Amino acid sequence: MTGMPAFSQLAYAPMTAGDVDEVWALEQSVFPYPWSRANFAESLSSGYDAWTVRDPAGALAAYYLLMYVVDEAHLLDVAVSGARQRQGLGRHLLDRIAARARDQGMASVLLEVRPSNERALEVYRRHGYAEIGRRKGYYPAGPGGREDAIVMRLEL
């Protein structure tokens, strides 16, 4: 747990338009095919449930965005800064996401993940998410290529 403050010292706050540039920079630093800046701005203007997570010094450690549809929360995006990875923050965020979805009256959390993202798949599986399907050619990959998405659900 070197370098990571106790999770109780993290500050969670609703994402605002003022956070978008910093969130987008983190997104670009951790994903080979990141969301665009416009994706974040549109998510905020659509009223999605978006959160930032900051360490005691105010540095952005992570973020997540949820969309609620009927009785299901859809985890649209979640990221942990490279400096904060492998310290349990991702698992902690999944607990927070499930609690947030329960508080909103949701029965489950749905997400998509790349089959090539083995680390994330393992974290999701250990956290109780189960594979429920595939979306063919969902993600961009390589020069002009596409990668399927594994669809996973956590029953709350």
C-alpha atoms as a PDB file:
ATOM      1  CA  MET A   1       0.000   0.000   0.000  1.00  0.00           C
ATOM      2  CA  THR A   2       2.949   2.294  -0.473  1.00  0.00           C
ATOM      3  CA  GLY A   3       2.073   5.823  -1.451  1.00  0.00           C
ATOM      4  CA  MET A   4      -1.681   5.324  -1.127  1.00  0.00           C
ATOM      5  CA  PRO A   5      -3.433   7.071   1.728  1.00  0.00           C
ATOM      6  CA  ALA A   6      -6.080   5.242   3.689  1.00  0.00           C
ATOM      7  CA  PHE A   7      -9.236   5.097   1.612  1.00  0.00           C
ATOM      8  CA  SER A   8     -11.031   7.098   4.315  1.00  0.00           C
ATOM      9  CA  GLN A   9      -8.747  10.023   3.444  1.00  0.00           C
ATOM     10  CA  LEU A  10      -9.884  10.080  -0.185  1.00  0.00           C
ATOM     11  CA  ALA A  11     -12.263  12.850  -1.202  1.00  0.00           C
ATOM     12  CA  TYR A  12     -15.210  11.868  -3.406  1.00  0.00           C
ATOM     13  CA  ALA A  13     -16.989  14.678  -5.247  1.00  0.00           C
ATOM     14  CA  PRO A  14     -19.434  14.908  -8.140  1.00  0.00           C
ATOM     15  CA  MET A  15     -17.542  15.518 -11.373  1.00  0.00           C
ATOM     16  CA  THR A  16     -18.009  19.013 -12.771  1.00  0.00           C
ATOM     17  CA  ALA A  17     -17.194  20.668 -16.084  1.00  0.00           C
ATOM     18  CA  GLY A  18     -14.110  22.091 -14.346  1.00  0.00           C
ATOM     19  CA  ASP A  19     -12.811  18.540 -13.805  1.00  0.00           C
ATOM     20  CA  VAL A  20     -13.129  17.404 -17.429  1.00  0.00           C
ATOM     21  CA  ASP A  21      -9.652  18.384 -18.647  1.00  0.00           C
ATOM     22  CA  GLU A  22      -7.972  16.645 -15.711  1.00  0.00           C
ATOM     23  CA  VAL A  23     -10.220  13.571 -15.997  1.00  0.00           C
ATOM     24  CA  TRP A  24      -9.570  13.391 -19.738  1.00  0.00           C
ATOM     25  CA  ALA A  25      -5.802  13.594 -19.131  1.00  0.00           C
ATOM     26  CA  LEU A  26      -6.021  10.668 -16.689  1.00  0.00           C
ATOM     27  CA  GLU A  27      -8.165   8.738 -19.199  1.00  0.00           C
ATOM     28  CA  GLN A  28      -5.558   9.252 -21.916  1.00  0.00           C
ATOM     29  CA  SER A  29      -2.772   8.134 -19.592  1.00  0.00           C
ATOM     30  CA  VAL A  30      -4.315   4.747 -18.733  1.00  0.00           C
ATOM     31  CA  PHE A  31      -6.288   3.608 -21.808  1.00  0.00           C
ATOM     32  CA  PRO A  32      -4.928   2.796 -25.272  1.00  0.00           C
ATOM     33  CA  TYR A  33      -8.252   3.939 -26.812  1.00  0.00           C
ATOM     34  CA  PRO A  34      -9.491   6.657 -24.442  1.00  0.00           C
ATOM     35  CA  TRP A  35     -12.809   8.435 -24.411  1.00  0.00           C
ATOM     36  CA  SER A  36     -12.745  11.849 -26.052  1.00  0.00           C
ATOM     37  CA  ARG A  37     -12.988  15.038 -24.024  1.00  0.00           C
ATOM     38  CA  ALA A  38     -16.448  15.479 -25.605  1.00  0.00           C
ATOM     39  CA  ASN A  39     -17.564  12.079 -24.218  1.00  0.00           C
ATOM     40  CA  PHE A  40     -16.985  13.378 -20.692  1.00  0.00           C
ATOM     41  CA  ALA A  41     -18.631  16.737 -21.356  1.00  0.00           C
ATOM     42  CA  GLU A  42     -21.662  15.032 -22.932  1.00  0.00           C
ATOM     43  CA  SER A  43     -21.925  12.575 -20.024  1.00  0.00           C
ATOM     44  CA  LEU A  44     -22.073  15.492 -17.591  1.00  0.00           C
ATOM     45  CA  SER A  45     -24.625  17.398 -19.666  1.00  0.00           C
ATOM     46  CA  SER A  46     -26.711  14.205 -19.884  1.00  0.00           C
ATOM     47  CA  GLY A  47     -26.826  14.087 -16.092  1.00  0.00           C
ATOM     48  CA  TYR A  48     -24.913  10.835 -15.635  1.00  0.00           C
ATOM     49  CA  ASP A  49     -23.708  10.080 -12.123  1.00  0.00           C
ATOM     50  CA  ALA A  50     -20.027  11.025 -12.423  1.00  0.00           C
ATOM     51  CA  TRP A  51     -17.525  11.167  -9.552  1.00  0.00           C
ATOM     52  CA  THR A  52     -13.934  12.156  -8.980  1.00  0.00           C
ATOM     53  CA  VAL A  53     -11.695  10.713  -6.282  1.00  0.00           C
ATOM     54  CA  ARG A  54      -8.860  12.869  -4.966  1.00  0.00           C
ATOM     55  CA  ASP A  55      -6.051  12.180  -2.540  1.00  0.00           C
ATOM     56  CA  PRO A  56      -5.436  14.476   0.465  1.00  0.00           C
ATOM     57  CA  ALA A  57      -3.164  16.694  -1.657  1.00  0.00           C
ATOM     58  CA  GLY A  58      -5.993  17.217  -4.164  1.00  0.00           C
ATOM     59  CA  ALA A  59      -4.472  15.081  -6.939  1.00  0.00           C
ATOM     60  CA  LEU A  60      -6.943  13.141  -9.074  1.00  0.00           C
ATOM     61  CA  ALA A  61      -6.586   9.469  -8.097  1.00  0.00           C
ATOM     62  CA  ALA A  62      -9.596   8.013  -9.936  1.00  0.00           C
ATOM     63  CA  TYR A  63     -13.040   8.653 -11.375  1.00  0.00           C
ATOM     64  CA  TYR A  64     -16.134   6.785 -12.462  1.00  0.00           C
ATOM     65  CA  LEU A  65     -19.340   7.432 -14.399  1.00  0.00           C
ATOM     66  CA  LEU A  66     -22.644   5.608 -13.993  1.00  0.00           C
ATOM     67  CA  MET A  67     -25.809   5.760 -16.075  1.00  0.00           C
ATOM     68  CA  TYR A  68     -29.069   4.530 -14.575  1.00  0.00           C
ATOM     69  CA  VAL A  69     -31.574   2.718 -16.795  1.00  0.00           C
ATOM     70  CA  VAL A  70     -34.747   1.434 -15.137  1.00  0.00           C
ATOM     71  CA  ASP A  71     -33.308  -0.794 -12.356  1.00  0.00           C
ATOM     72  CA  GLU A  72     -29.778  -1.220 -13.665  1.00  0.00           C
ATOM     73  CA  ALA A  73     -26.669   0.920 -13.252  1.00  0.00           C
ATOM     74  CA  HIS A  74     -24.380   0.897 -16.280  1.00  0.00           C
ATOM     75  CA  LEU A  75     -20.739   1.549 -15.383  1.00  0.00           C
ATOM     76  CA  LEU A  76     -19.696   3.651 -18.372  1.00  0.00           C
ATOM     77  CA  ASP A  77     -16.100   4.384 -17.401  1.00  0.00           C
ATOM     78  CA  VAL A  78     -13.832   3.876 -14.419  1.00  0.00           C
ATOM     79  CA  ALA A  79     -10.139   4.633 -14.150  1.00  0.00           C
ATOM     80  CA  VAL A  80      -7.429   4.712 -11.517  1.00  0.00           C
ATOM     81  CA  SER A  81      -4.314   6.787 -12.143  1.00  0.00           C
ATOM     82  CA  GLY A  82      -1.215   4.778 -12.993  1.00  0.00           C
ATOM     83  CA  ALA A  83       0.514   5.871  -9.775  1.00  0.00           C
ATOM     84  CA  ARG A  84      -2.406   4.537  -7.727  1.00  0.00           C
ATOM     85  CA  GLN A  85      -2.889   1.179  -9.461  1.00  0.00           C
ATOM     86  CA  ARG A  86      -2.275  -2.159  -7.724  1.00  0.00           C
ATOM     87  CA  GLN A  87      -3.001  -0.666  -4.294  1.00  0.00           C
ATOM     88  CA  GLY A  88      -6.608  -1.804  -3.873  1.00  0.00           C
ATOM     89  CA  LEU A  89      -8.208   1.432  -5.040  1.00  0.00           C
ATOM     90  CA  GLY A  90      -9.965  -0.257  -7.980  1.00  0.00           C
ATOM     91  CA  ARG A  91     -11.571  -2.818  -5.667  1.00  0.00           C
ATOM     92  CA  HIS A  92     -12.495  -0.036  -3.257  1.00  0.00           C
ATOM     93  CA  LEU A  93     -14.124   1.875  -6.124  1.00  0.00           C
ATOM     94  CA  LEU A  94     -16.147  -1.186  -7.116  1.00  0.00           C
ATOM     95  CA  ASP A  95     -17.506  -1.315  -3.559  1.00  0.00           C
ATOM     96  CA  ARG A  96     -18.395   2.386  -3.750  1.00  0.00           C
ATOM     97  CA  ILE A  97     -20.015   1.935  -7.168  1.00  0.00           C
ATOM     98  CA  ALA A  98     -22.164  -0.966  -5.926  1.00  0.00           C
ATOM     99  CA  ALA A  99     -23.187   1.040  -2.842  1.00  0.00           C
ATOM    100  CA  ARG A 100     -24.040   4.067  -4.985  1.00  0.00           C
ATOM    101  CA  ALA A 101     -26.144   1.916  -7.329  1.00  0.00           C
ATOM    102  CA  ARG A 102     -27.968   0.332  -4.357  1.00  0.00           C
ATOM    103  CA  ASP A 103     -28.648   3.806  -2.938  1.00  0.00           C
ATOM    104  CA  GLN A 104     -30.245   4.721  -6.270  1.00  0.00           C
ATOM    105  CA  GLY A 105     -32.519   1.652  -6.080  1.00  0.00           C
ATOM    106  CA  MET A 106     -30.715  -0.356  -8.749  1.00  0.00           C
ATOM    107  CA  ALA A 107     -30.861  -4.168  -8.817  1.00  0.00           C
ATOM    108  CA  SER A 108     -27.586  -4.687 -10.688  1.00  0.00           C
ATOM    109  CA  VAL A 109     -24.511  -3.064 -12.212  1.00  0.00           C
ATOM    110  CA  LEU A 110     -23.645  -3.756 -15.858  1.00  0.00           C
ATOM    111  CA  LEU A 111     -20.312  -3.064 -17.572  1.00  0.00           C
ATOM    112  CA  GLU A 112     -18.317  -3.874 -20.695  1.00  0.00           C
ATOM    113  CA  VAL A 113     -14.648  -4.808 -20.666  1.00  0.00           C
ATOM    114  CA  ARG A 114     -12.147  -5.780 -23.338  1.00  0.00           C
ATOM    115  CA  PRO A 115     -11.208  -9.491 -23.412  1.00  0.00           C
ATOM    116  CA  SER A 116      -7.582  -8.308 -23.712  1.00  0.00           C
ATOM    117  CA  ASN A 117      -7.853  -6.414 -20.404  1.00  0.00           C
ATOM    118  CA  GLU A 118      -7.081  -9.491 -18.324  1.00  0.00           C
ATOM    119  CA  ARG A 119      -6.240  -7.538 -15.179  1.00  0.00           C
ATOM    120  CA  ALA A 120      -9.614  -5.768 -15.142  1.00  0.00           C
ATOM    121  CA  LEU A 121     -11.450  -9.008 -15.945  1.00  0.00           C
ATOM    122  CA  GLU A 122      -9.833 -10.694 -12.956  1.00  0.00           C
ATOM    123  CA  VAL A 123     -10.723  -7.800 -10.641  1.00  0.00           C
ATOM    124  CA  TYR A 124     -14.341  -7.811 -11.840  1.00  0.00           C
ATOM    125  CA  ARG A 125     -14.654 -11.586 -11.492  1.00  0.00           C
ATOM    126  CA  ARG A 126     -13.181 -11.555  -7.974  1.00  0.00           C
ATOM    127  CA  HIS A 127     -15.644  -8.808  -7.137  1.00  0.00           C
ATOM    128  CA  GLY A 128     -18.637 -10.954  -8.134  1.00  0.00           C
ATOM    129  CA  TYR A 129     -19.292  -9.782 -11.680  1.00  0.00           C
ATOM    130  CA  ALA A 130     -20.377 -12.563 -14.027  1.00  0.00           C
ATOM    131  CA  GLU A 131     -20.071 -12.656 -17.801  1.00  0.00           C
ATOM    132  CA  ILE A 132     -23.544 -12.432 -19.366  1.00  0.00           C
ATOM    133  CA  GLY A 133     -22.715 -11.870 -23.045  1.00  0.00           C
ATOM    134  CA  ARG A 134     -20.539 -10.313 -25.717  1.00  0.00           C
ATOM    135  CA  ARG A 135     -20.839  -7.276 -27.942  1.00  0.00           C
ATOM    136  CA  LYS A 136     -19.119  -8.052 -31.243  1.00  0.00           C
ATOM    137  CA  GLY A 137     -16.693  -5.411 -32.512  1.00  0.00           C
ATOM    138  CA  TYR A 138     -17.583  -3.005 -29.703  1.00  0.00           C
ATOM    139  CA  TYR A 139     -14.168  -1.429 -29.102  1.00  0.00           C
ATOM    140  CA  PRO A 140     -11.645   0.090 -31.529  1.00  0.00           C
ATOM    141  CA  ALA A 141      -8.423  -1.910 -31.726  1.00  0.00           C
ATOM    142  CA  GLY A 142      -5.268  -1.645 -33.761  1.00  0.00           C
ATOM    143  CA  PRO A 143      -5.207   0.010 -37.173  1.00  0.00           C
ATOM    144  CA  GLY A 144      -8.854  -0.141 -38.245  1.00  0.00           C
ATOM    145  CA  GLY A 145      -9.553  -3.227 -36.145  1.00  0.00           C
ATOM    146  CA  ARG A 146     -12.273  -3.909 -33.596  1.00  0.00           C
ATOM    147  CA  GLU A 147     -12.363  -5.887 -30.352  1.00  0.00           C
ATOM    148  CA  ASP A 148     -15.381  -7.522 -28.748  1.00  0.00           C
ATOM    149  CA  ALA A 149     -16.633  -6.481 -25.342  1.00  0.00           C
ATOM    150  CA  ILE A 150     -17.375  -8.914 -22.561  1.00  0.00           C
ATOM    151  CA  VAL A 151     -20.592  -7.816 -20.864  1.00  0.00           C
ATOM    152  CA  MET A 152     -20.591  -8.445 -17.123  1.00  0.00           C
ATOM    153  CA  ARG A 153     -23.213  -7.967 -14.422  1.00  0.00           C
ATOM    154  CA  LEU A 154     -23.134  -7.736 -10.654  1.00  0.00           C
ATOM    155  CA  GLU A 155     -26.420  -8.538  -8.945  1.00  0.00           C
ATOM    156  CA  LEU A 156     -26.951  -6.255  -5.968  1.00  0.00           C
END
